[in-house]
Protein backbone atom coordinates (compact mmCIF):
# COMPACT_ATOMS: atom_id res chain seq x y z
CA MET A 1 113.24 110.36 75.69
CA ALA A 2 112.92 106.97 76.53
CA ARG A 3 113.74 106.10 79.86
CA ARG A 4 114.98 102.58 80.65
CA TYR A 5 113.66 101.84 84.36
CA PHE A 6 111.60 104.20 85.25
CA GLY A 7 107.65 104.33 84.32
CA THR A 8 104.86 106.10 85.16
CA ASP A 9 104.61 104.46 88.60
CA GLY A 10 108.06 103.87 89.57
CA ILE A 11 110.37 101.10 88.51
CA ARG A 12 107.90 97.92 87.79
CA GLY A 13 108.19 94.67 86.08
CA ARG A 14 108.81 90.42 86.29
CA ALA A 15 110.89 89.87 89.49
CA ASN A 16 114.19 88.13 88.88
CA GLY A 17 113.66 89.65 85.22
CA LYS A 18 113.87 93.32 85.17
CA ILE A 19 113.75 93.99 89.11
CA THR A 20 116.70 91.70 90.42
CA ALA A 21 118.14 92.33 93.73
CA GLU A 22 121.20 93.99 91.82
CA LEU A 23 118.72 96.44 90.48
CA ALA A 24 117.19 97.26 93.59
CA MET A 25 120.62 97.56 95.34
CA LYS A 26 121.66 100.08 92.45
CA VAL A 27 118.65 102.09 93.41
CA GLY A 28 119.31 102.14 96.82
CA GLN A 29 122.51 103.84 96.14
CA ALA A 30 121.13 106.24 93.86
CA ALA A 31 118.36 107.24 95.45
CA GLY A 32 120.03 107.72 98.36
CA LEU A 33 123.11 109.47 97.35
CA MET A 34 120.35 111.67 95.10
CA PHE A 35 118.62 112.58 98.96
CA GLN A 36 121.68 113.28 100.90
CA ARG A 37 121.72 117.05 101.81
CA GLY A 38 123.34 118.84 105.12
CA ASP A 39 125.22 116.43 107.85
CA HIS A 40 122.86 115.18 109.73
CA ARG A 41 122.08 111.25 109.74
CA HIS A 42 119.81 110.81 106.67
CA ARG A 43 117.16 108.16 106.77
CA VAL A 44 114.61 106.82 104.42
CA VAL A 45 111.40 104.18 105.10
CA ILE A 46 110.77 101.01 103.26
CA GLY A 47 107.20 99.81 102.91
CA LYS A 48 106.22 96.71 100.80
CA ASP A 49 103.12 94.43 99.91
CA THR A 50 102.86 90.84 100.55
CA ARG A 51 104.70 89.38 97.51
CA LEU A 52 107.05 87.08 97.92
CA SER A 53 109.95 88.74 95.83
CA GLY A 54 109.44 91.49 98.41
CA TYR A 55 112.31 90.03 100.47
CA MET A 56 114.55 90.06 97.90
CA ILE A 57 114.08 93.15 96.92
CA GLU A 58 113.74 94.73 100.73
CA TYR A 59 116.88 93.54 101.90
CA ALA A 60 118.80 94.85 98.67
CA LEU A 61 117.49 98.14 98.69
CA VAL A 62 118.80 97.64 102.57
CA ALA A 63 122.28 96.92 101.39
CA GLY A 64 122.65 99.52 98.72
CA PHE A 65 120.96 102.63 101.04
CA THR A 66 123.26 101.60 104.20
CA SER A 67 126.40 101.28 101.45
CA VAL A 68 125.83 105.20 100.93
CA GLY A 69 125.95 105.81 104.16
CA MET A 70 121.72 106.27 104.89
CA ASP A 71 120.12 104.46 107.90
CA VAL A 72 117.05 102.20 106.78
CA LEU A 73 113.35 101.95 108.63
CA LEU A 74 111.59 98.84 107.91
CA LEU A 75 107.53 99.22 108.05
CA GLY A 76 106.94 95.42 106.65
CA PRO A 77 103.78 95.26 104.98
CA ALA A 78 101.81 98.39 104.58
CA PRO A 79 99.68 100.40 102.70
CA THR A 80 101.34 102.67 99.75
CA PRO A 81 99.41 105.55 101.64
CA ALA A 82 100.99 104.72 104.64
CA VAL A 83 104.58 104.53 103.83
CA ALA A 84 103.79 108.41 102.30
CA MET A 85 102.59 109.59 105.18
CA LEU A 86 105.05 107.66 107.36
CA THR A 87 108.35 109.42 105.14
CA ARG A 88 106.96 112.98 106.43
CA SER A 89 105.43 111.98 110.02
CA MET A 90 108.86 110.31 110.79
CA ARG A 91 110.91 112.97 109.23
CA CYS A 92 112.72 110.79 106.61
CA ASP A 93 114.36 112.19 103.54
CA LEU A 94 112.77 109.14 101.41
CA GLY A 95 110.14 106.79 101.36
CA VAL A 96 110.24 103.61 99.37
CA MET A 97 107.39 101.17 98.54
CA ILE A 98 107.61 97.78 97.06
CA SER A 99 104.88 96.76 94.81
CA ALA A 100 103.72 96.29 91.60
CA SER A 101 100.26 97.71 92.49
CA HIS A 102 97.41 95.53 91.41
CA ASN A 103 99.51 93.35 89.18
CA LEU A 104 100.31 89.33 90.21
CA TYR A 105 102.86 88.65 92.73
CA GLU A 106 105.10 87.78 89.72
CA ASP A 107 106.04 91.12 89.29
CA ASN A 108 107.51 93.60 91.76
CA GLY A 109 108.00 97.48 92.03
CA ILE A 110 109.80 100.33 93.73
CA LYS A 111 108.35 103.43 94.22
CA LEU A 112 109.73 106.39 95.27
CA PHE A 113 108.59 109.24 97.98
CA GLY A 114 110.42 112.61 98.32
CA PRO A 115 110.92 113.56 102.01
CA ASP A 116 107.32 115.59 101.23
CA GLY A 117 105.84 111.97 101.14
CA PHE A 118 104.71 113.07 97.34
CA LYS A 119 106.09 110.78 94.31
CA LEU A 120 109.32 112.19 93.06
CA SER A 121 108.81 114.02 89.87
CA ASP A 122 110.06 113.06 86.15
CA ASP A 123 113.18 114.99 86.53
CA ILE A 124 114.13 113.75 89.88
CA GLU A 125 113.70 110.10 88.91
CA ALA A 126 115.88 111.20 85.36
CA ARG A 127 118.59 112.24 87.68
CA ILE A 128 118.45 108.75 89.76
CA GLU A 129 118.23 106.49 86.67
CA SER A 130 121.04 108.34 85.50
CA LEU A 131 123.22 107.16 88.45
CA ILE A 132 121.90 103.74 88.34
CA ASP A 133 124.54 102.22 85.82
CA VAL A 134 127.51 104.51 86.70
CA ASP A 135 129.90 103.36 88.71
CA LEU A 136 129.45 104.57 91.99
CA ALA A 137 132.33 102.83 93.96
CA GLY A 138 133.87 106.33 94.77
CA ARG A 139 130.58 107.50 96.40
CA LEU A 140 130.09 104.80 98.61
CA ALA A 141 130.00 105.99 102.46
CA LYS A 142 133.53 105.01 104.60
CA SER A 143 132.79 102.41 107.22
CA PRO A 144 132.36 104.74 110.47
CA GLN A 145 129.41 106.27 108.54
CA LEU A 146 127.78 103.08 107.03
CA GLY A 147 123.94 103.24 107.59
CA ARG A 148 121.88 101.44 110.28
CA ALA A 149 118.49 99.48 109.39
CA LYS A 150 115.71 98.88 112.19
CA ARG A 151 112.18 97.47 112.17
CA ILE A 152 109.43 100.11 113.35
CA ASP A 153 106.73 97.87 115.58
CA ASP A 154 104.01 100.10 115.35
CA VAL A 155 102.90 100.94 111.72
CA HIS A 156 99.85 99.35 111.68
CA ALA A 157 98.45 101.47 114.61
CA ARG A 158 100.01 104.18 113.52
CA TYR A 159 98.21 104.47 110.08
CA ILE A 160 95.36 103.08 111.71
CA GLU A 161 94.78 106.43 113.51
CA TYR A 162 95.81 108.76 111.15
CA ALA A 163 92.98 107.36 108.58
CA LYS A 164 90.34 107.52 111.64
CA ARG A 165 91.47 111.29 112.31
CA THR A 166 90.38 111.80 108.45
CA LEU A 167 86.85 111.69 109.38
CA PRO A 168 85.23 113.81 112.19
CA ARG A 169 85.21 112.16 115.58
CA ASP A 170 81.44 112.56 115.54
CA VAL A 171 81.56 109.91 112.65
CA THR A 172 80.52 106.54 112.82
CA PHE A 173 79.41 103.25 110.23
CA GLU A 174 77.45 101.66 113.32
CA GLY A 175 74.82 99.44 111.72
CA LEU A 176 76.74 98.92 108.86
CA ARG A 177 78.09 95.14 107.16
CA VAL A 178 80.75 95.78 105.35
CA VAL A 179 82.59 92.97 103.29
CA VAL A 180 86.24 94.61 102.73
CA ASP A 181 88.60 92.62 100.39
CA CYS A 182 92.15 93.47 100.82
CA ALA A 183 93.45 91.40 97.46
CA HIS A 184 95.86 89.35 100.15
CA GLY A 185 97.73 92.88 99.87
CA ALA A 186 99.40 95.19 101.67
CA ALA A 187 96.23 96.49 103.79
CA TYR A 188 94.78 93.20 105.06
CA LYS A 189 95.46 93.77 108.77
CA VAL A 190 95.03 97.22 108.80
CA ALA A 191 92.09 97.67 106.38
CA PRO A 192 89.53 95.59 108.62
CA GLU A 193 90.83 96.92 111.70
CA ALA A 194 90.31 100.47 110.72
CA LEU A 195 86.52 99.62 109.92
CA TRP A 196 85.78 97.67 113.23
CA GLU A 197 87.36 100.69 115.26
CA LEU A 198 84.53 103.19 113.39
CA GLY A 199 81.97 100.72 114.24
CA ALA A 200 81.13 98.90 111.39
CA GLU A 201 80.08 95.12 111.14
CA VAL A 202 83.14 93.86 108.83
CA ILE A 203 83.38 90.79 107.05
CA PRO A 204 87.21 90.18 105.53
CA MET A 205 88.20 88.39 102.76
CA GLY A 206 91.46 88.34 100.60
CA VAL A 207 93.23 88.84 103.95
CA GLU A 208 95.51 85.30 103.85
CA PRO A 209 98.44 86.23 102.08
CA ASP A 210 101.03 83.71 101.42
CA GLY A 211 103.38 85.19 99.15
CA VAL A 212 101.78 84.31 95.65
CA ASN A 213 98.32 85.09 95.79
CA ILE A 214 97.99 88.81 95.87
CA ASN A 215 95.42 90.05 93.32
CA LEU A 216 94.63 86.96 92.63
CA ASP A 217 90.97 86.57 91.53
CA VAL A 218 90.48 89.53 94.72
CA GLY A 219 90.75 93.08 94.79
CA SER A 220 89.77 95.79 92.96
CA THR A 221 90.65 94.18 89.81
CA SER A 222 88.67 91.35 90.14
CA PRO A 223 85.59 92.16 92.07
CA THR A 224 83.32 89.42 91.17
CA ALA A 225 84.19 87.32 94.35
CA LEU A 226 83.42 90.65 96.59
CA ALA A 227 80.00 91.18 94.79
CA GLN A 228 79.34 87.34 95.57
CA LYS A 229 79.97 87.14 98.99
CA VAL A 230 78.63 90.68 99.25
CA ARG A 231 74.72 89.51 98.03
CA GLN A 232 75.69 86.34 99.81
CA MET A 233 75.89 87.92 103.27
CA ARG A 234 73.55 90.83 102.47
CA ALA A 235 75.97 93.20 103.20
CA ASP A 236 75.22 96.63 103.05
CA VAL A 237 78.29 97.80 100.95
CA GLY A 238 81.75 95.55 99.76
CA VAL A 239 85.40 97.97 99.71
CA ALA A 240 87.59 96.65 97.64
CA LEU A 241 92.03 97.45 98.01
CA ASP A 242 94.27 96.97 95.11
CA GLY A 243 97.52 95.37 96.43
CA ASP A 244 99.48 98.18 97.70
CA ALA A 245 95.80 99.80 98.71
CA ASP A 246 96.03 102.92 96.88
CA ARG A 247 93.09 102.26 95.16
CA MET A 248 89.46 100.98 95.41
CA ILE A 249 86.28 100.41 93.96
CA ILE A 250 82.94 99.97 96.12
CA VAL A 251 80.18 97.39 95.38
CA ASP A 252 76.59 97.93 96.20
CA GLU A 253 74.30 96.23 98.08
CA LYS A 254 72.97 94.53 94.57
CA GLY A 255 76.64 93.74 94.12
CA HIS A 256 77.18 96.42 91.58
CA VAL A 257 80.40 97.63 90.67
CA VAL A 258 80.91 101.42 91.29
CA ASP A 259 84.03 102.85 89.63
CA GLY A 260 86.10 105.51 90.55
CA ASP A 261 84.12 108.02 88.22
CA GLN A 262 80.81 107.60 90.27
CA ILE A 263 82.99 107.61 93.84
CA LEU A 264 84.45 111.05 92.59
CA ALA A 265 81.06 112.08 92.39
CA VAL A 266 79.84 111.46 95.52
CA VAL A 267 83.11 112.29 97.59
CA ALA A 268 82.85 115.92 95.38
CA GLU A 269 79.35 116.87 95.57
CA SER A 270 79.14 115.56 99.32
CA TRP A 271 82.51 118.24 100.23
CA GLN A 272 80.77 121.24 98.01
CA ALA A 273 77.86 120.62 100.18
CA ASP A 274 79.90 120.74 103.70
CA GLY A 275 82.01 123.68 102.07
CA ARG A 276 85.04 121.38 101.73
CA LEU A 277 86.23 122.21 98.61
CA ALA A 278 89.07 124.11 98.05
CA LYS A 279 88.25 125.22 94.15
CA PRO A 280 84.87 124.45 92.57
CA GLY A 281 85.54 121.32 90.48
CA ILE A 282 88.11 118.32 90.45
CA VAL A 283 90.89 117.06 88.89
CA ALA A 284 90.17 113.66 86.72
CA THR A 285 91.88 111.82 83.77
CA VAL A 286 91.56 111.60 79.73
CA MET A 287 89.87 108.38 80.81
CA SER A 288 87.16 109.97 83.13
CA ASN A 289 83.57 109.20 81.65
CA LEU A 290 81.84 111.97 80.07
CA GLY A 291 78.70 111.13 82.18
CA LEU A 292 81.06 112.57 84.71
CA GLU A 293 82.26 115.82 83.36
CA ARG A 294 78.03 116.38 82.70
CA ARG A 295 77.18 115.58 86.44
CA LEU A 296 79.96 117.70 87.82
CA ALA A 297 79.12 120.31 85.31
CA ALA A 298 75.25 120.12 86.62
CA GLN A 299 76.15 120.87 90.04
CA GLY A 300 78.08 124.34 89.23
CA LEU A 301 81.67 122.15 89.06
CA THR A 302 84.58 121.85 86.85
CA MET A 303 86.76 119.05 85.97
CA GLU A 304 90.10 119.32 84.70
CA ARG A 305 91.77 116.40 82.60
CA THR A 306 95.16 115.11 82.96
CA ALA A 307 97.59 112.23 81.45
CA VAL A 308 97.02 108.75 82.68
CA GLY A 309 98.65 108.15 85.90
CA ASP A 310 97.30 109.62 89.58
CA ARG A 311 100.80 111.39 89.49
CA TYR A 312 99.50 113.92 87.18
CA VAL A 313 96.76 114.00 88.80
CA LEU A 314 98.24 115.27 91.71
CA GLU A 315 100.42 117.25 90.21
CA ARG A 316 97.70 119.06 88.74
CA MET A 317 95.84 119.49 92.00
CA VAL A 318 98.46 120.89 93.56
CA GLU A 319 99.17 123.42 90.84
CA LYS A 320 95.75 124.32 90.39
CA GLY A 321 94.58 124.09 94.16
CA TYR A 322 91.96 121.38 93.79
CA ASN A 323 91.61 118.87 96.56
CA VAL A 324 89.69 116.18 95.21
CA GLY A 325 91.14 114.37 92.14
CA GLY A 326 91.10 110.72 90.85
CA GLU A 327 90.73 107.97 88.08
CA PRO A 328 88.06 105.51 87.24
CA SER A 329 90.14 102.67 88.26
CA GLY A 330 89.92 104.02 92.01
CA HIS A 331 92.47 105.88 92.61
CA ILE A 332 91.38 108.99 94.48
CA ILE A 333 93.35 111.16 95.82
CA LEU A 334 92.34 113.71 98.71
CA THR A 335 94.95 115.88 99.23
CA ASP A 336 93.58 117.25 102.34
CA HIS A 337 94.29 114.25 103.91
CA SER A 338 97.17 111.96 101.53
CA THR A 339 99.63 112.98 99.10
CA THR A 340 99.01 109.90 97.51
CA GLY A 341 96.18 107.77 96.50
CA ASP A 342 94.73 106.04 99.94
CA GLY A 343 92.02 103.36 99.25
CA LEU A 344 91.14 103.09 102.89
CA VAL A 345 90.54 106.78 103.46
CA ALA A 346 88.49 107.03 99.85
CA ALA A 347 86.33 104.27 101.26
CA MET A 348 85.65 105.96 104.89
CA GLN A 349 84.80 109.01 103.09
CA VAL A 350 81.67 107.16 101.00
CA LEU A 351 80.88 104.97 103.82
CA ALA A 352 80.12 108.46 106.09
CA VAL A 353 78.13 109.66 103.02
CA VAL A 354 76.18 105.98 102.98
CA ASN A 355 75.53 106.68 107.07
CA LYS A 356 75.00 110.38 106.96
CA GLN A 357 72.12 109.87 104.41
CA GLY A 358 70.68 106.71 105.01
CA LYS A 359 69.95 105.35 101.94
CA PRO A 360 71.28 102.20 100.29
CA VAL A 361 74.78 102.75 98.56
CA SER A 362 72.67 101.88 94.78
CA GLU A 363 70.76 105.14 95.21
CA VAL A 364 73.77 106.75 96.71
CA CYS A 365 76.64 106.07 94.60
CA ARG A 366 74.39 106.21 91.28
CA ARG A 367 75.26 109.73 90.27
CA PHE A 368 75.25 109.79 86.72
CA GLU A 369 74.44 107.12 83.84
CA PRO A 370 78.07 106.78 82.06
CA LEU A 371 78.14 107.04 78.43
CA PRO A 372 78.94 103.72 76.57
CA GLN A 373 82.49 103.56 76.41
CA VAL A 374 84.67 101.03 75.05
CA MET A 375 88.62 100.33 75.17
CA ARG A 376 90.76 97.79 73.53
CA ASN A 377 94.47 97.47 73.48
CA VAL A 378 96.79 96.71 70.65
CA ARG A 379 100.00 95.15 71.24
CA PHE A 380 103.04 95.76 69.46
CA LYS A 381 106.56 94.66 69.33
CA GLY A 382 108.98 97.78 68.55
CA GLY A 383 108.79 100.84 66.72
CA ARG A 384 106.21 104.11 67.17
CA PRO A 385 102.85 102.90 65.53
CA LEU A 386 101.15 105.93 66.44
CA GLU A 387 103.30 108.63 64.21
CA ASP A 388 102.28 106.26 61.12
CA GLN A 389 100.68 107.53 58.52
CA SER A 390 97.55 105.61 58.03
CA VAL A 391 97.31 105.96 61.85
CA VAL A 392 97.30 109.56 62.17
CA THR A 393 94.64 109.08 59.29
CA ALA A 394 92.03 107.30 61.22
CA ILE A 395 92.42 109.05 64.51
CA ALA A 396 91.50 112.43 62.33
CA ALA A 397 88.51 110.40 60.66
CA ALA A 398 87.25 109.32 63.89
CA THR A 399 87.58 112.11 65.54
CA ALA A 400 85.67 114.07 62.93
CA ARG A 401 82.73 111.32 63.06
CA LEU A 402 82.69 112.11 67.08
CA GLY A 403 82.53 115.68 66.45
CA ASP A 404 81.24 117.13 69.91
CA HIS A 405 79.81 114.02 70.95
CA GLY A 406 82.34 112.44 72.32
CA ARG A 407 85.56 111.44 73.35
CA LEU A 408 88.62 109.62 71.21
CA VAL A 409 91.43 108.87 73.31
CA VAL A 410 94.38 106.58 71.61
CA ARG A 411 97.69 106.49 73.92
CA PRO A 412 100.76 104.11 74.98
CA SER A 413 100.66 102.20 77.99
CA GLY A 414 103.45 103.63 80.36
CA THR A 415 103.51 100.20 81.85
CA GLU A 416 103.69 97.33 79.33
CA PRO A 417 104.25 97.58 75.09
CA VAL A 418 100.77 98.08 74.11
CA ILE A 419 98.71 100.73 72.24
CA ARG A 420 95.10 101.93 74.15
CA VAL A 421 92.17 103.30 71.78
CA MET A 422 89.07 104.44 74.09
CA ALA A 423 85.92 105.84 72.67
CA GLU A 424 83.14 107.02 74.25
CA ALA A 425 79.88 108.67 72.49
CA ASP A 426 76.08 108.60 73.05
CA ASP A 427 75.54 106.05 70.42
CA ARG A 428 77.49 102.67 71.30
CA ASP A 429 77.22 101.40 67.79
CA LEU A 430 79.33 104.46 66.68
CA VAL A 431 81.59 104.25 69.14
CA ASP A 432 82.48 100.16 68.40
CA SER A 433 83.07 101.46 64.79
CA LEU A 434 85.28 103.85 65.69
CA VAL A 435 87.66 101.47 68.48
CA ALA A 436 87.82 99.16 65.91
CA ASP A 437 88.51 101.13 62.82
CA VAL A 438 91.51 103.10 65.13
CA CYS A 439 92.44 99.86 66.35
CA ASP A 440 92.92 97.96 62.76
CA ALA A 441 95.19 100.80 61.38
CA VAL A 442 97.11 100.30 64.63
CA ALA A 443 97.52 96.80 63.88
CA LYS A 444 98.51 96.71 60.65
CA ALA A 445 101.32 99.85 61.58
CA ALA A 446 102.66 97.93 64.08
CA ALA A 447 102.43 94.25 62.31
């Protein structure tokens, strides 16, 4: 059944549109009540990225949590993985990240983490959602039991030290000139500092947040500026994070983008050589290129696919015992180190391989030739166009034409009213034709 508030990555929408102060307060109350277990003083950590609306949402959440008797620890601007890590290390009952990830500043969102640092399951999110629109006046804390709020001052130092400890002590980035694009987002202080402490010559960009420039022509979804900077500065590598720093992409010394699929291959093969893979394979999504699957198979590694969304990748990793997984967008999850995607830690893994091999990034990170892949979005206003018989027929026909030579994925977006149509195969003309046919059928059904 469709849910009213939660999507594939928490609650997300236009600030003061879907995401209001009133909703944030209700989320705080509902989530706070859900995670009160036992008689101890319950605590929640709240981090945020650099959006202007973060102030409004932060204080509304504080009001909600304290009104049901939870103490609040405010982290200020901090990466999503830092919030997950501190939820565990500070023995909190709940963690909250205020962010809309790679979206522009007009949007914002609320991500929730359980006491183990993992994102909440669909079931728990549904139970929280059932409380949001309920009158909770009778369940509010009595005056002596109201919560307190305080700011934590050493968040950046804690996270930097945690990130550095994911590498062996003898690893250094000395000799590497690195451009790091922080998207004017949550990692604008910690990412340049961490790389510098590891010995890199760091050229920062996207480190001047003003509340409205997050992800604006910078970051992992807009790598053009980073590519130009890498070439201009003759840097060895560029690293682009997104607004909440839970994902990243690499730019090689020639200014070419290295996506999450290539990064997964780099990490998987490096960990395989070092005997660090928990199982001989990784977890990816239905959107990962078939070229990655073929490359891994040639190395004796398997690839399990999940629905799109880093939470589903992580769930499969935990269920099956894998310790490497991710998405083409740059969500790289390494469960030896983190309970969520961590752009900085993933970048460090790649830089360690680059320095160890002593080769250009263009050689180290180009592990396979991607198959031609085309994806188009078809917007719809309502209904269920994928259930229309003409769409079902078009998908079946396209699948039959592909046979065993490629893949077709047709799915609704979890964050906006669009149907995403993706196909890949060795034959680019075939891919274009199939995607066009399916999109035409969806568009007619959605009209």
